[in-house]
């Protein structure tokens, strides 16, 4: 079965099984989205364009996306409490500084993109 990345919903379904310790040292089976925000926001931008946004959380800076005027946070499930959305503009370089090229390449490979 081929992955459907025609919508963010389809990508999200694939991300849930593609996240791994290769894409974030914080990954765990109990919380697969943990630590995946920066690398995921870059992949989402690769596929859908749009902007990368950031906000401060109790755990540090959190990255997510804005696609066609809609906020998409693929990794919000990592949090155990509500987080504020400041929707501050971020760059790919800022998100990449929070991850690494090997983690980015690992997630791309696991998604087949």
Protein backbone atom coordinates (compact mmCIF):
# COMPACT_ATOMS: atom_id res chain seq x y z
CA UNK A 1 0.00 0.00 0.00
CA UNK A 2 1.39 3.39 -1.00
CA UNK A 3 1.38 6.19 1.55
CA UNK A 4 -1.04 9.03 0.83
CA UNK A 5 0.60 12.40 1.34
CA UNK A 6 -2.01 14.34 -0.59
CA UNK A 7 -3.31 15.81 2.68
CA UNK A 8 -1.72 16.50 6.07
CA UNK A 9 -4.03 13.84 7.53
CA UNK A 10 -2.47 11.17 5.32
CA UNK A 11 1.04 12.27 6.25
CA UNK A 12 0.14 12.18 9.94
CA UNK A 13 -0.95 8.55 9.70
CA UNK A 14 2.46 7.65 8.25
CA UNK A 15 4.39 9.79 10.72
CA UNK A 16 2.98 7.87 13.67
CA UNK A 17 4.84 4.73 12.56
CA UNK A 18 7.83 6.52 10.96
CA UNK A 19 8.95 8.35 14.10
CA UNK A 20 11.76 6.45 15.78
CA UNK A 21 14.87 6.81 17.91
CA UNK A 22 16.66 7.52 14.61
CA UNK A 23 14.67 10.74 14.17
CA UNK A 24 14.70 11.80 17.85
CA UNK A 25 16.68 10.61 20.85
CA UNK A 26 13.58 11.39 22.97
CA UNK A 27 11.40 8.89 21.08
CA UNK A 28 9.69 6.11 23.07
CA UNK A 29 7.00 3.60 22.23
CA UNK A 30 4.81 5.24 24.89
CA UNK A 31 5.31 8.74 23.38
CA UNK A 32 6.47 8.41 19.75
CA UNK A 33 5.96 12.13 18.95
CA UNK A 34 8.26 13.28 21.77
CA UNK A 35 11.15 15.33 20.44
CA UNK A 36 9.98 14.99 16.83
CA UNK A 37 8.61 18.53 16.34
CA UNK A 38 11.56 20.15 14.59
CA UNK A 39 12.33 17.34 12.17
CA UNK A 40 8.63 16.81 11.47
CA UNK A 41 8.01 20.52 10.78
CA UNK A 42 10.75 20.44 8.14
CA UNK A 43 9.32 17.32 6.46
CA UNK A 44 5.81 18.84 6.49
CA UNK A 45 7.19 21.96 4.80
CA UNK A 46 9.01 19.77 2.24
CA UNK A 47 5.73 18.12 1.26
CA UNK A 48 3.13 20.90 1.66
CA UNK A 49 5.11 24.14 1.62
CA UNK A 50 3.82 26.79 3.96
CA UNK A 51 5.62 28.19 6.97
CA UNK A 52 7.26 26.83 10.07
CA UNK A 53 6.04 28.40 13.31
CA UNK A 54 7.31 28.17 16.86
CA UNK A 55 6.11 28.71 20.40
CA UNK A 56 7.62 28.46 23.85
CA UNK A 57 6.43 25.55 25.98
CA UNK A 58 7.33 24.29 29.44
CA UNK A 59 9.79 21.96 27.65
CA UNK A 60 11.44 24.54 25.38
CA UNK A 61 10.78 25.72 21.84
CA UNK A 62 8.13 23.79 19.89
CA UNK A 63 7.92 23.82 16.08
CA UNK A 64 4.83 23.23 13.91
CA UNK A 65 3.45 24.37 10.55
CA UNK A 66 1.11 26.81 8.85
CA UNK A 67 -0.28 25.48 5.56
CA UNK A 68 -2.70 27.60 3.53
CA UNK A 69 -3.55 29.67 6.62
CA UNK A 70 -4.23 26.62 8.83
CA UNK A 71 -2.05 25.62 11.81
CA UNK A 72 -0.94 21.97 11.70
CA UNK A 73 0.81 20.50 14.74
CA UNK A 74 1.64 16.89 13.93
CA UNK A 75 3.47 16.31 17.23
CA UNK A 76 1.09 17.88 19.75
CA UNK A 77 0.38 14.42 21.22
CA UNK A 78 3.80 14.54 22.91
CA UNK A 79 2.47 17.02 25.49
CA UNK A 80 0.62 16.01 28.62
CA UNK A 81 -0.92 19.46 29.11
CA UNK A 82 -2.15 22.31 26.91
CA UNK A 83 0.49 24.47 25.28
CA UNK A 84 0.24 28.10 24.14
CA UNK A 85 0.42 28.83 20.45
CA UNK A 86 2.32 32.06 19.91
CA UNK A 87 2.56 31.36 16.15
CA UNK A 88 5.93 33.12 15.90
CA UNK A 89 7.62 32.76 12.50
CA UNK A 90 10.55 30.33 12.41
CA UNK A 91 12.99 29.35 9.72
CA UNK A 92 14.07 25.96 8.43
CA UNK A 93 17.50 26.73 9.83
CA UNK A 94 16.05 27.27 13.31
CA UNK A 95 14.17 23.98 13.13
CA UNK A 96 17.24 22.19 11.74
CA UNK A 97 19.34 23.58 14.61
CA UNK A 98 16.98 21.67 16.94
CA UNK A 99 17.51 18.37 15.09
CA UNK A 100 20.27 17.05 12.82
CA UNK A 101 20.78 16.13 9.19
CA UNK A 102 21.00 12.38 10.05
CA UNK A 103 17.68 12.58 11.96
CA UNK A 104 16.09 14.45 9.04
CA UNK A 105 17.37 11.90 6.53
CA UNK A 106 16.21 9.01 8.74
CA UNK A 107 12.63 10.35 8.89
CA UNK A 108 12.60 11.05 5.16
CA UNK A 109 13.78 7.49 4.47
CA UNK A 110 11.19 5.93 6.80
CA UNK A 111 8.46 7.97 5.09
CA UNK A 112 9.76 7.19 1.61
CA UNK A 113 10.09 10.85 0.59
